[in-house]
Amino acid sequence: MDRLELKGNWNIIKGRLKQKYGNLTDDDLRYEEGKDDELIGRIQKKTGQSREEIINYIRSL
C-alpha cells in the first residue's frame, strides 16, 4: 500500500469514518505516524470491510 495522506486532514477523515461505521471508537481510529497498516487493520477488524474498500473510501474523502 502506498502511503495514505492522513496527517493533515485526519480529524475530518476520522469523523467521516465514525459516521459511516458507527461501531468505530477513538481508540480504533488512533493514528500514529508510520503505522498506517496497523490503523487499516483495526478498521478492517471492526467493520469487516476489505483493505481495498477502506483505503478507497479514505482516499475518496
N, C-alpha and C. Protein backbone atom coordinates (compact mmCIF):
# COMPACT_ATOMS: atom_id res chain seq x y z
N MET A 1 0.85 -1.18 0.00
CA MET A 1 0.00 0.00 0.00
C MET A 1 0.89 1.23 0.00
N ASP A 2 0.58 2.16 -0.89
CA ASP A 2 1.33 3.40 -0.81
C ASP A 2 0.76 4.24 0.33
N ARG A 3 1.51 5.20 0.75
CA ARG A 3 1.16 5.98 1.94
C ARG A 3 -0.13 6.75 1.74
N LEU A 4 -0.97 6.69 2.71
CA LEU A 4 -2.19 7.49 2.69
C LEU A 4 -1.86 8.88 3.21
N GLU A 5 -2.49 9.86 2.64
CA GLU A 5 -2.30 11.22 3.12
C GLU A 5 -3.29 11.48 4.24
N LEU A 6 -2.91 11.11 5.44
CA LEU A 6 -3.82 11.20 6.57
C LEU A 6 -3.52 12.36 7.49
N LYS A 7 -2.28 12.69 7.64
CA LYS A 7 -1.84 13.59 8.70
C LYS A 7 -2.61 14.92 8.74
N GLY A 8 -2.69 15.64 7.66
CA GLY A 8 -3.28 16.97 7.67
C GLY A 8 -4.78 17.00 7.89
N ASN A 9 -5.49 16.02 7.36
CA ASN A 9 -6.94 16.02 7.42
C ASN A 9 -7.48 14.92 8.33
N TRP A 10 -6.69 14.41 9.24
CA TRP A 10 -7.09 13.24 9.98
C TRP A 10 -8.38 13.44 10.79
N ASN A 11 -8.57 14.60 11.39
CA ASN A 11 -9.79 14.81 12.19
C ASN A 11 -11.04 14.75 11.32
N ILE A 12 -10.97 15.26 10.11
CA ILE A 12 -12.10 15.21 9.19
C ILE A 12 -12.34 13.76 8.76
N ILE A 13 -11.29 13.07 8.38
CA ILE A 13 -11.40 11.68 7.95
C ILE A 13 -11.95 10.83 9.08
N LYS A 14 -11.43 11.03 10.28
CA LYS A 14 -11.88 10.26 11.44
C LYS A 14 -13.37 10.46 11.68
N GLY A 15 -13.84 11.68 11.59
CA GLY A 15 -15.26 11.95 11.78
C GLY A 15 -16.12 11.27 10.74
N ARG A 16 -15.69 11.27 9.51
CA ARG A 16 -16.46 10.63 8.44
C ARG A 16 -16.45 9.11 8.57
N LEU A 17 -15.33 8.55 9.01
CA LEU A 17 -15.27 7.10 9.24
C LEU A 17 -16.23 6.71 10.36
N LYS A 18 -16.29 7.52 11.41
CA LYS A 18 -17.19 7.23 12.53
C LYS A 18 -18.66 7.35 12.10
N GLN A 19 -18.94 8.26 11.17
CA GLN A 19 -20.30 8.38 10.66
C GLN A 19 -20.68 7.15 9.83
N LYS A 20 -19.78 6.72 8.98
CA LYS A 20 -20.06 5.58 8.10
C LYS A 20 -20.10 4.27 8.88
N TYR A 21 -19.15 4.09 9.79
CA TYR A 21 -19.04 2.87 10.58
C TYR A 21 -19.22 3.25 12.05
N GLY A 22 -20.44 3.24 12.51
CA GLY A 22 -20.78 3.71 13.85
C GLY A 22 -20.13 2.95 14.99
N ASN A 23 -19.63 1.76 14.73
CA ASN A 23 -19.03 0.98 15.81
C ASN A 23 -17.55 1.28 16.04
N LEU A 24 -16.96 2.20 15.28
CA LEU A 24 -15.56 2.57 15.47
C LEU A 24 -15.43 3.54 16.64
N THR A 25 -14.41 3.33 17.45
CA THR A 25 -14.15 4.20 18.59
C THR A 25 -12.92 5.06 18.33
N ASP A 26 -12.68 6.02 19.21
CA ASP A 26 -11.48 6.85 19.09
C ASP A 26 -10.22 6.00 19.17
N ASP A 27 -10.24 4.96 20.00
CA ASP A 27 -9.08 4.07 20.10
C ASP A 27 -8.83 3.33 18.79
N ASP A 28 -9.91 2.90 18.12
CA ASP A 28 -9.77 2.22 16.83
C ASP A 28 -9.15 3.15 15.80
N LEU A 29 -9.46 4.43 15.91
CA LEU A 29 -9.03 5.41 14.91
C LEU A 29 -7.82 6.23 15.35
N ARG A 30 -7.11 5.74 16.34
CA ARG A 30 -5.90 6.43 16.81
C ARG A 30 -4.82 6.32 15.73
N TYR A 31 -4.40 7.46 15.21
CA TYR A 31 -3.39 7.49 14.14
C TYR A 31 -2.03 7.81 14.71
N GLU A 32 -1.06 6.99 14.37
CA GLU A 32 0.33 7.23 14.73
C GLU A 32 1.15 7.22 13.45
N GLU A 33 1.97 8.22 13.32
CA GLU A 33 2.82 8.36 12.13
C GLU A 33 3.58 7.05 11.86
N GLY A 34 3.51 6.59 10.62
CA GLY A 34 4.23 5.40 10.21
C GLY A 34 3.52 4.09 10.51
N LYS A 35 2.33 4.15 11.09
CA LYS A 35 1.60 2.93 11.43
C LYS A 35 0.28 2.86 10.69
N ASP A 36 0.32 3.21 9.41
CA ASP A 36 -0.89 3.19 8.58
C ASP A 36 -1.48 1.78 8.49
N ASP A 37 -0.61 0.78 8.33
CA ASP A 37 -1.09 -0.60 8.20
C ASP A 37 -1.83 -1.06 9.44
N GLU A 38 -1.32 -0.68 10.59
CA GLU A 38 -1.98 -1.05 11.85
C GLU A 38 -3.36 -0.39 11.96
N LEU A 39 -3.45 0.86 11.57
CA LEU A 39 -4.72 1.59 11.58
C LEU A 39 -5.72 0.91 10.66
N ILE A 40 -5.31 0.60 9.44
CA ILE A 40 -6.21 -0.05 8.48
C ILE A 40 -6.65 -1.41 9.02
N GLY A 41 -5.75 -2.12 9.65
CA GLY A 41 -6.08 -3.42 10.25
C GLY A 41 -7.13 -3.31 11.33
N ARG A 42 -7.03 -2.29 12.19
CA ARG A 42 -8.03 -2.08 13.25
C ARG A 42 -9.39 -1.78 12.64
N ILE A 43 -9.41 -0.94 11.60
CA ILE A 43 -10.68 -0.59 10.95
C ILE A 43 -11.26 -1.83 10.28
N GLN A 44 -10.42 -2.62 9.63
CA GLN A 44 -10.86 -3.85 8.97
C GLN A 44 -11.51 -4.80 9.96
N LYS A 45 -10.86 -4.97 11.09
CA LYS A 45 -11.35 -5.91 12.11
C LYS A 45 -12.73 -5.50 12.60
N LYS A 46 -12.95 -4.21 12.82
CA LYS A 46 -14.22 -3.72 13.36
C LYS A 46 -15.33 -3.68 12.32
N THR A 47 -15.00 -3.41 11.05
CA THR A 47 -16.03 -3.19 10.04
C THR A 47 -16.29 -4.40 9.15
N GLY A 48 -15.31 -5.29 9.05
CA GLY A 48 -15.45 -6.43 8.17
C GLY A 48 -15.23 -6.08 6.70
N GLN A 49 -14.84 -4.86 6.42
CA GLN A 49 -14.56 -4.42 5.06
C GLN A 49 -13.17 -4.88 4.64
N SER A 50 -12.97 -5.00 3.34
CA SER A 50 -11.65 -5.38 2.85
C SER A 50 -10.71 -4.18 2.96
N ARG A 51 -9.44 -4.48 2.93
CA ARG A 51 -8.41 -3.44 3.00
C ARG A 51 -8.60 -2.43 1.86
N GLU A 52 -8.85 -2.93 0.65
CA GLU A 52 -9.01 -2.07 -0.51
C GLU A 52 -10.23 -1.17 -0.38
N GLU A 53 -11.33 -1.71 0.16
CA GLU A 53 -12.53 -0.90 0.35
C GLU A 53 -12.28 0.25 1.32
N ILE A 54 -11.58 -0.04 2.38
CA ILE A 54 -11.27 1.00 3.38
C ILE A 54 -10.36 2.06 2.78
N ILE A 55 -9.31 1.63 2.11
CA ILE A 55 -8.36 2.58 1.50
C ILE A 55 -9.06 3.43 0.46
N ASN A 56 -9.87 2.82 -0.37
CA ASN A 56 -10.60 3.58 -1.40
C ASN A 56 -11.55 4.58 -0.76
N TYR A 57 -12.23 4.20 0.30
CA TYR A 57 -13.13 5.13 0.98
C TYR A 57 -12.36 6.31 1.56
N ILE A 58 -11.25 6.04 2.22
CA ILE A 58 -10.44 7.12 2.81
C ILE A 58 -9.94 8.06 1.71
N ARG A 59 -9.48 7.50 0.61
CA ARG A 59 -8.97 8.33 -0.48
C ARG A 59 -10.08 9.17 -1.13
N SER A 60 -11.32 8.68 -1.06
CA SER A 60 -12.42 9.42 -1.68
C SER A 60 -12.85 10.64 -0.87
N LEU A 61 -12.41 10.70 0.38
CA LEU A 61 -12.83 11.81 1.25
C LEU A 61 -12.12 13.09 0.96
